[in-house]
Protein backbone atom coordinates (compact mmCIF):
# COMPACT_ATOMS: atom_id res chain seq x y z
CA MET A 1 -19.83 -54.80 -8.27
CA MET A 2 -19.95 -55.52 -11.96
CA SER A 3 -23.46 -55.93 -13.38
CA LEU A 4 -24.56 -58.77 -15.67
CA GLY A 5 -24.95 -56.32 -18.52
CA ALA A 6 -21.39 -55.19 -18.10
CA THR A 7 -20.07 -58.73 -18.16
CA LYS A 8 -21.88 -59.46 -21.41
CA ASN A 9 -20.44 -56.39 -23.11
CA ILE A 10 -16.82 -56.59 -22.02
CA CYS A 11 -15.66 -57.55 -25.46
CA ALA A 12 -17.69 -54.75 -27.05
CA CYS A 13 -15.76 -52.09 -25.15
CA SER A 14 -12.84 -50.23 -26.58
CA PRO A 15 -9.39 -51.64 -25.80
CA LYS A 16 -8.75 -48.89 -23.25
CA GLN A 17 -12.10 -49.40 -21.51
CA THR A 18 -11.57 -53.15 -21.46
CA ALA A 19 -8.15 -52.72 -19.91
CA ARG A 20 -9.48 -50.42 -17.18
CA LEU A 21 -12.40 -52.71 -16.38
CA GLY A 22 -10.24 -55.81 -16.38
CA HIS A 23 -7.67 -54.10 -14.17
CA ALA A 24 -10.32 -53.14 -11.60
CA VAL A 25 -11.88 -56.60 -11.51
CA GLY A 26 -8.50 -58.33 -11.49
CA LEU A 27 -7.34 -56.31 -8.51
CA ALA A 28 -10.55 -57.02 -6.63
CA LEU A 29 -10.21 -60.76 -7.21
CA TYR A 30 -6.47 -61.07 -6.84
CA GLN A 31 -5.40 -58.67 -4.12
CA GLY A 32 -8.11 -58.14 -1.58
CA PRO A 33 -10.78 -60.04 0.32
CA LEU A 34 -14.35 -59.00 -0.47
CA ILE A 35 -15.49 -58.78 3.14
CA GLY A 36 -19.25 -58.38 3.31
CA VAL A 37 -19.55 -58.46 -0.48
CA ALA A 38 -19.03 -62.03 -1.62
CA TYR A 39 -17.61 -64.39 1.01
CA PRO A 40 -16.33 -63.89 4.56
CA ALA A 41 -13.09 -65.68 3.65
CA THR A 42 -11.67 -65.18 0.18
CA VAL A 43 -9.07 -66.56 -2.18
CA ARG A 44 -7.13 -64.95 -4.98
CA LEU A 45 -8.57 -66.31 -8.18
CA ALA A 46 -6.26 -64.82 -10.77
CA THR A 47 -4.72 -68.20 -11.56
CA ILE A 48 -8.11 -69.75 -12.32
CA PHE A 49 -9.23 -67.02 -14.66
CA HIS A 50 -5.87 -66.80 -16.35
CA ARG A 51 -6.02 -70.49 -17.25
CA GLN A 52 -9.50 -70.07 -18.76
CA PRO A 53 -9.12 -67.68 -21.72
CA SER A 54 -12.07 -65.42 -22.49
CA PRO A 55 -13.44 -64.67 -25.98
CA CYS A 56 -11.58 -61.36 -25.82
CA THR A 57 -7.97 -61.05 -26.88
CA ARG A 58 -7.03 -60.44 -23.25
CA SER A 59 -7.39 -62.77 -20.26
CA PHE A 60 -10.03 -61.98 -17.67
CA THR A 61 -7.25 -60.75 -15.42
CA THR A 62 -4.95 -58.10 -16.88
CA THR A 63 -1.87 -59.62 -15.22
CA PRO A 64 0.41 -60.94 -18.00
CA ALA A 65 1.42 -64.58 -17.82
CA HIS A 66 5.06 -63.74 -17.17
CA GLN A 67 4.08 -61.68 -14.09
CA LEU A 68 1.94 -64.32 -12.38
CA ARG A 69 3.81 -65.36 -9.23
CA ASP A 70 4.79 -68.99 -8.79
CA VAL A 71 3.31 -70.04 -5.45
CA PHE A 72 6.06 -72.62 -4.87
CA PRO A 73 9.15 -71.45 -6.78
CA ARG A 74 11.86 -74.08 -7.00
CA LYS A 75 14.96 -73.20 -5.01
CA ASP A 76 17.98 -73.24 -7.30
CA THR A 77 21.12 -74.38 -5.50
CA PRO A 78 24.57 -75.30 -6.85
CA PHE A 79 24.26 -79.02 -5.99
CA VAL A 80 20.70 -80.08 -5.11
CA ARG A 81 18.42 -80.84 -8.06
CA LYS A 82 15.12 -81.64 -6.29
CA THR A 83 13.71 -83.09 -3.07
CA PRO A 84 11.47 -86.14 -3.57
CA PRO A 85 8.43 -86.72 -1.32
CA ALA A 86 9.18 -88.36 2.01
CA TRP A 87 6.28 -90.78 1.56
CA LYS A 88 5.54 -91.95 -1.97
CA HIS A 89 1.85 -92.28 -2.69
CA PRO A 90 0.79 -95.95 -3.09
CA GLY A 91 -1.71 -95.12 -5.86
CA TYR A 92 -5.20 -96.44 -6.55
CA THR A 93 -6.85 -98.46 -9.26
CA GLU A 94 -9.82 -97.07 -11.18
CA GLU A 95 -12.10 -99.47 -9.31
CA GLU A 96 -10.81 -98.28 -5.93
CA LEU A 97 -11.30 -94.63 -6.86
CA LEU A 98 -14.91 -95.15 -7.93
CA SER A 99 -15.85 -97.47 -5.06
CA VAL A 100 -15.46 -94.77 -2.38
CA THR A 101 -18.80 -93.67 -0.95
CA PRO A 102 -19.87 -91.40 1.91
CA GLY A 103 -20.63 -93.23 5.12
CA HIS A 104 -21.24 -92.71 8.81
CA ARG A 105 -20.43 -94.67 11.95
CA PRO A 106 -23.21 -94.17 14.52
CA PRO A 107 -21.83 -92.96 17.87
CA GLN A 108 -21.50 -95.70 20.48
CA GLY A 109 -21.03 -94.38 23.98
CA VAL A 110 -20.41 -90.97 25.49
CA GLY A 111 -16.95 -90.53 23.94
CA ASP A 112 -18.22 -91.15 20.42
CA TRP A 113 -21.16 -88.83 20.98
CA VAL A 114 -18.87 -86.00 22.17
CA ALA A 115 -16.57 -86.49 19.16
CA TRP A 116 -19.51 -86.48 16.74
CA LYS A 117 -21.05 -83.32 18.22
CA LEU A 118 -17.71 -81.51 18.09
CA VAL A 119 -17.40 -82.34 14.39
CA ARG A 120 -20.95 -81.09 13.79
CA LEU A 121 -20.02 -77.85 15.56
CA ALA A 122 -16.92 -77.54 13.38
CA ARG A 123 -19.04 -78.16 10.27
CA TRP A 124 -21.45 -75.37 11.28
CA ALA A 125 -18.57 -72.96 11.90
CA THR A 126 -16.99 -73.83 8.53
CA ASP A 127 -20.28 -73.24 6.70
CA LEU A 128 -20.56 -69.86 8.41
CA ALA A 129 -16.95 -68.85 7.75
CA THR A 130 -16.99 -69.85 4.08
CA GLY A 131 -20.32 -68.21 3.27
CA ILE A 132 -22.41 -71.31 2.55
CA LYS A 133 -26.07 -70.26 2.28
CA ARG A 134 -29.06 -72.29 3.42
CA ASP A 135 -30.07 -73.25 -0.13
CA GLN A 136 -26.54 -74.55 -0.73
CA GLN A 137 -26.64 -76.93 2.23
CA VAL A 138 -27.61 -80.60 2.04
CA ASP A 139 -30.16 -82.37 4.21
CA MET A 140 -28.92 -81.81 7.75
CA LYS A 141 -30.70 -84.96 8.94
CA ASN A 142 -28.21 -86.99 6.88
CA PRO A 143 -25.22 -84.62 6.75
CA THR A 144 -22.51 -87.12 5.82
CA THR A 145 -24.45 -89.05 3.16
CA SER A 146 -26.90 -86.62 1.53
CA LEU A 147 -25.44 -84.90 -1.55
CA ALA A 148 -28.33 -82.98 -3.11
CA ALA A 149 -28.74 -79.24 -2.51
CA GLU A 150 -31.01 -76.65 -4.09
CA LYS A 151 -28.04 -74.64 -5.36
CA PRO A 152 -24.45 -75.73 -6.08
CA LEU A 153 -21.39 -73.97 -4.74
CA THR A 154 -19.21 -71.91 -7.04
CA GLU A 155 -15.56 -72.68 -7.79
CA ALA A 156 -14.56 -69.82 -5.48
CA GLN A 157 -16.65 -71.16 -2.62
CA TRP A 158 -15.26 -74.64 -3.13
CA LEU A 159 -11.68 -73.37 -3.05
CA ILE A 160 -12.31 -71.42 0.15
CA ARG A 161 -13.86 -74.47 1.77
CA LEU A 162 -11.22 -76.95 0.60
CA ILE A 163 -8.20 -74.81 1.46
CA PHE A 164 -9.59 -74.13 4.94
CA LEU A 165 -10.41 -77.83 5.42
CA GLU A 166 -7.00 -79.09 4.31
CA SER A 167 -5.11 -76.51 6.40
CA ILE A 168 -6.78 -78.03 9.47
CA ALA A 169 -6.84 -81.70 8.45
CA GLY A 170 -3.05 -82.03 8.56
CA VAL A 171 -2.87 -81.21 12.28
CA PRO A 172 -4.17 -84.34 14.11
CA GLY A 173 -1.81 -86.82 12.46
CA MET A 174 1.22 -84.71 13.29
CA VAL A 175 0.09 -84.18 16.90
CA GLY A 176 -0.68 -87.87 17.41
CA GLY A 177 2.57 -88.98 15.80
CA MET A 178 4.58 -86.49 17.83
CA LEU A 179 3.03 -87.53 21.15
CA ARG A 180 3.43 -91.24 20.39
CA HIS A 181 7.05 -90.64 19.38
CA LEU A 182 7.75 -88.85 22.67
CA HIS A 183 5.87 -91.55 24.59
CA SER A 184 8.03 -94.24 22.96
CA LEU A 185 11.22 -92.37 23.88
CA ARG A 186 10.09 -91.55 27.41
CA ARG A 187 8.75 -95.00 28.31
CA LEU A 188 11.43 -96.90 26.38
CA LYS A 189 8.76 -98.91 24.57
CA ARG A 190 7.91 -99.82 21.01
CA ASP A 191 5.02 -98.11 19.26
CA ASN A 192 4.09 -100.98 16.92
CA GLY A 193 3.66 -98.96 13.74
CA TRP A 194 1.29 -96.15 14.78
CA ILE A 195 3.76 -93.27 14.44
CA GLU A 196 4.53 -93.85 10.77
CA THR A 197 0.87 -94.04 9.74
CA LEU A 198 -0.06 -90.87 11.62
CA LEU A 199 2.84 -88.86 10.20
CA GLU A 200 2.12 -90.13 6.70
CA GLU A 201 -1.51 -89.07 7.09
CA SER A 202 -0.41 -85.57 8.08
CA TYR A 203 1.99 -85.41 5.12
CA ASN A 204 -0.74 -86.56 2.73
CA GLU A 205 -3.13 -83.86 3.96
CA ARG A 206 -0.44 -81.24 3.44
CA MET A 207 0.00 -82.41 -0.14
CA HIS A 208 -3.73 -81.82 -0.66
CA LEU A 209 -3.27 -78.26 0.57
CA LEU A 210 -0.18 -77.60 -1.56
CA THR A 211 -2.05 -78.85 -4.64
CA LEU A 212 -4.97 -76.53 -3.99
CA MET A 213 -2.60 -73.63 -3.38
CA THR A 214 -1.26 -73.94 -6.93
CA ILE A 215 -4.83 -73.37 -8.18
CA SER A 216 -5.55 -70.32 -6.04
CA GLU A 217 -3.86 -68.42 -3.23
CA PRO A 218 -5.75 -67.23 -0.10
CA GLY A 219 -5.96 -63.54 0.70
CA TRP A 220 -4.79 -62.02 3.97
CA PHE A 221 -8.16 -62.40 5.69
CA MET A 222 -8.32 -66.14 5.08
CA LYS A 223 -4.68 -66.55 6.05
CA THR A 224 -5.52 -64.86 9.36
CA MET A 225 -8.46 -67.25 9.83
CA ILE A 226 -6.22 -70.24 9.14
CA LEU A 227 -3.60 -68.96 11.58
CA GLY A 228 -6.15 -68.59 14.36
CA ALA A 229 -7.88 -71.89 13.60
CA GLN A 230 -4.60 -73.80 13.58
CA GLY A 231 -3.54 -72.29 16.90
CA VAL A 232 -6.80 -73.29 18.58
CA PHE A 233 -7.05 -76.68 16.85
CA PHE A 234 -3.46 -77.75 17.54
CA ASN A 235 -3.73 -77.10 21.26
CA ALA A 236 -7.17 -78.70 21.45
CA VAL A 237 -5.97 -81.88 19.71
CA PHE A 238 -2.80 -81.90 21.84
CA LEU A 239 -4.76 -81.85 25.09
CA SER A 240 -7.36 -84.26 23.73
CA TYR A 241 -4.72 -86.82 22.73
CA LEU A 242 -3.11 -86.62 26.15
CA ILE A 243 -6.47 -87.26 27.83
CA SER A 244 -7.99 -89.84 25.45
CA PRO A 245 -6.32 -90.96 22.21
CA ARG A 246 -9.34 -93.16 21.50
CA ILE A 247 -11.80 -90.25 21.47
CA THR A 248 -9.36 -88.16 19.44
CA HIS A 249 -9.10 -90.83 16.75
CA ARG A 250 -12.89 -91.10 16.70
CA PHE A 251 -13.12 -87.34 16.25
CA VAL A 252 -10.70 -87.50 13.31
CA GLY A 253 -12.67 -90.40 11.85
CA TYR A 254 -15.84 -88.27 11.93
CA LEU A 255 -13.90 -85.32 10.51
CA GLU A 256 -12.76 -87.49 7.60
CA GLU A 257 -16.37 -88.58 7.04
CA GLU A 258 -17.11 -84.91 6.40
CA ALA A 259 -14.13 -84.70 4.03
CA VAL A 260 -15.30 -87.71 2.00
CA HIS A 261 -18.78 -86.20 1.83
CA THR A 262 -17.38 -82.83 0.74
CA TYR A 263 -15.30 -84.25 -2.11
CA THR A 264 -18.10 -86.59 -3.19
CA ARG A 265 -20.47 -83.66 -3.52
CA LEU A 266 -17.81 -81.68 -5.38
CA ILE A 267 -17.24 -84.52 -7.86
CA ARG A 268 -21.00 -84.84 -8.34
CA GLU A 269 -21.35 -81.14 -9.16
CA ILE A 270 -18.46 -81.33 -11.62
CA GLU A 271 -20.10 -84.29 -13.37
CA GLN A 272 -23.40 -82.40 -13.54
CA GLY A 273 -21.70 -79.41 -15.20
CA ALA A 274 -22.48 -77.06 -12.32
CA LEU A 275 -18.81 -76.01 -12.18
CA PRO A 276 -18.02 -75.14 -15.81
CA LYS A 277 -14.37 -74.23 -15.30
CA TRP A 278 -13.53 -77.52 -13.59
CA SER A 279 -15.75 -79.51 -15.95
CA ASP A 280 -13.62 -78.33 -18.87
CA PRO A 281 -11.18 -81.15 -19.86
CA ALA A 282 -8.63 -78.47 -20.77
CA PHE A 283 -8.38 -77.43 -17.11
CA GLU A 284 -5.84 -80.03 -16.00
CA ALA A 285 -4.51 -80.86 -12.56
CA PRO A 286 -1.33 -78.96 -11.58
CA GLU A 287 2.08 -80.54 -12.01
CA ILE A 288 2.55 -81.12 -8.28
CA ALA A 289 -0.53 -83.38 -8.31
CA VAL A 290 0.60 -85.26 -11.41
CA THR A 291 3.95 -85.99 -9.76
CA TYR A 292 2.64 -86.96 -6.32
CA TRP A 293 -0.31 -89.15 -7.36
CA LYS A 294 1.35 -90.27 -10.62
CA LEU A 295 -1.74 -89.28 -12.57
CA PRO A 296 -1.75 -91.18 -15.89
CA GLU A 297 -2.11 -89.50 -19.26
CA GLY A 298 -5.73 -88.83 -20.07
CA LYS A 299 -6.68 -88.90 -16.37
CA ARG A 300 -5.58 -85.44 -15.27
CA THR A 301 -8.80 -83.47 -15.16
CA MET A 302 -10.01 -81.76 -12.00
CA ARG A 303 -12.51 -84.58 -11.52
CA ASP A 304 -9.68 -87.12 -11.61
CA LEU A 305 -7.69 -85.06 -9.11
CA PHE A 306 -10.58 -84.90 -6.65
CA LEU A 307 -11.19 -88.65 -7.03
CA TYR A 308 -7.66 -89.26 -5.75
CA ILE A 309 -8.02 -86.78 -2.88
CA ARG A 310 -11.37 -88.31 -1.91
CA ALA A 311 -9.79 -91.78 -1.83
CA ASP A 312 -7.07 -90.45 0.49
CA GLU A 313 -9.72 -89.04 2.83
CA ALA A 314 -11.57 -92.36 2.78
CA VAL A 315 -8.38 -94.13 3.87
CA HIS A 316 -7.91 -91.66 6.74
CA ARG A 317 -11.55 -92.18 7.73
CA GLY A 318 -11.20 -95.95 7.97
CA VAL A 319 -7.79 -95.80 9.64
CA ASN A 320 -8.84 -93.46 12.44
CA HIS A 321 -12.12 -95.24 13.15
CA THR A 322 -10.18 -98.50 13.34
CA LEU A 323 -7.41 -97.10 15.55
CA SER A 324 -10.08 -95.79 17.89
CA ASN A 325 -11.39 -99.35 18.32
CA LEU A 326 -8.00 -100.75 19.38
CA LYS A 327 -6.19 -100.86 22.70
CA GLN A 328 -4.17 -97.66 22.45
CA LYS A 329 -1.09 -98.75 24.43
CA GLU A 330 -0.52 -102.31 23.25
CA ASP A 331 -2.21 -103.20 19.96
CA PRO A 332 -0.16 -103.06 16.74
CA ASN A 333 -1.22 -100.91 13.80
CA PRO A 334 -3.01 -103.47 11.56
CA PHE A 335 -2.54 -101.35 8.44
CA VAL A 336 1.25 -101.78 8.38
CA SER A 337 1.60 -105.14 10.17
CA GLU A 338 2.50 -108.50 8.65
CA TYR A 339 -0.07 -111.17 9.43
CA LYS A 340 0.59 -114.79 10.38
CA ALA A 341 0.38 -117.48 7.72
CA GLY A 342 -3.24 -118.17 6.90
CA GLN A 343 -4.45 -114.94 8.56
CA GLU A 344 -3.75 -112.55 5.68
CA GLY A 345 -7.49 -112.23 5.05
CA HIS A 346 -7.79 -110.14 8.22
CA LYS A 347 -5.53 -107.38 6.87
CA PRO A 348 -7.81 -104.34 6.58
CA ASN A 349 -8.51 -102.10 3.58
CA ALA A 350 -9.34 -98.76 5.20
CA ALA A 351 -11.03 -97.14 2.19
CA LEU A 352 -13.64 -99.88 1.82
CA LYS A 353 -15.10 -99.73 5.33
CA PRO A 354 -16.35 -96.24 6.27
CA GLU A 355 -17.13 -97.21 9.88
CA GLY A 356 -13.70 -98.80 10.41
CA TYR A 357 -12.84 -102.31 11.63
CA GLU A 358 -13.64 -103.65 15.07
CA ARG A 359 -10.72 -104.93 17.11
CA GLU A 360 -11.60 -108.60 16.80
CA GLU A 361 -11.69 -108.28 12.99
CA VAL A 362 -8.06 -107.20 12.66
CA ILE A 363 -6.36 -108.21 15.92
CA GLY A 364 -8.35 -111.31 16.87
CA VAL A 365 -9.88 -112.55 20.09
CA GLU A 366 -7.19 -113.14 22.70
CA SER A 367 -7.17 -116.33 24.75
CA LEU A 368 -5.77 -116.69 28.24
CA PRO A 369 -2.02 -117.47 28.12
CA SER A 370 -1.07 -120.99 29.24
CA GLY A 371 2.55 -120.17 29.82
CA PRO A 372 5.34 -117.71 28.98
CA SER A 373 5.08 -116.34 25.45
CA PRO A 374 7.50 -114.35 23.31
CA LYS A 375 7.23 -110.59 23.18
CA PRO A 376 4.60 -109.66 20.58
CA TYR A 377 4.87 -107.41 17.55
CA LEU A 378 8.66 -107.34 17.24
CA HIS A 379 8.39 -107.04 13.47
CA HIS A 380 7.72 -103.30 13.57
CA ALA A 381 8.91 -100.38 15.65
């Protein structure tokens, strides 16, 4: 490993010595995982260091700009110019972005308790896999609301954690949407708007991952971890959704509580200057993020990017907690439904209620039918 004295004297070396040292460090950071040295799972950080020029005439990495690989090269075809996103992001106001706060819904019943404990187990495993030390952890008595830790995470640790988190977070929505789609086809019944919301959630989580991938690319060890985790997680969610969609949505709601907490802590550390690279206004969000979230001019720093991602996670948190409170086979999705005249005030805003909405708040209390009534919820498939 490179000593502190060596890092301070890089610029004092001869050009040849600087090149050799930079080449060795660049290869270590860019090509291989530092198993047992830095973090159990690693990312390639050449892109980060290339975008932050050092006082020397050379970048920290010796890879020239024209040789840095584009993670998502655009496919050039004779006719197609570009493919727009399937779901356009609705956007947020400044007030909505800043109003998001960590929150927790206390477990109510055995199903909620099981879902909560599984998320806590997943949190412990993620801390272990991404090399989070004890002094970098928050108060475990209030894990989803406490933000203070003795020592902040580094940019590398944050990238490892976020990429691993987002590679998993896109699974439940796709599994739930797929199973509901097949159920609708098999039973010849409407789904009342659940499928679209679940698939959009999965798509949104994938956009988070693609954005992070343009900042840094995982090494082979982390890619192997993601492959194994996705295989286990997909099958677990698949079986769980077949057995109890309600518990599965509660699990995802608790998982999104962790995501909101994670991004809130990250934003806090950026604002405190604990992450100097991301606190630098010159380090702007990648183009894929600017296009997807329509980031306005002057609001394209890393802090702004993470504010948007945190707001997305807050929406998923409220949506899944709310869906868990509904009757899974008959209730409409209140987040995409049109309400009756005079009842528009019951339409939910998922980001503003961390614990989700109870059924009577968004569906209403049903009365006993006095006679034949028209089929409900025909306004949405």
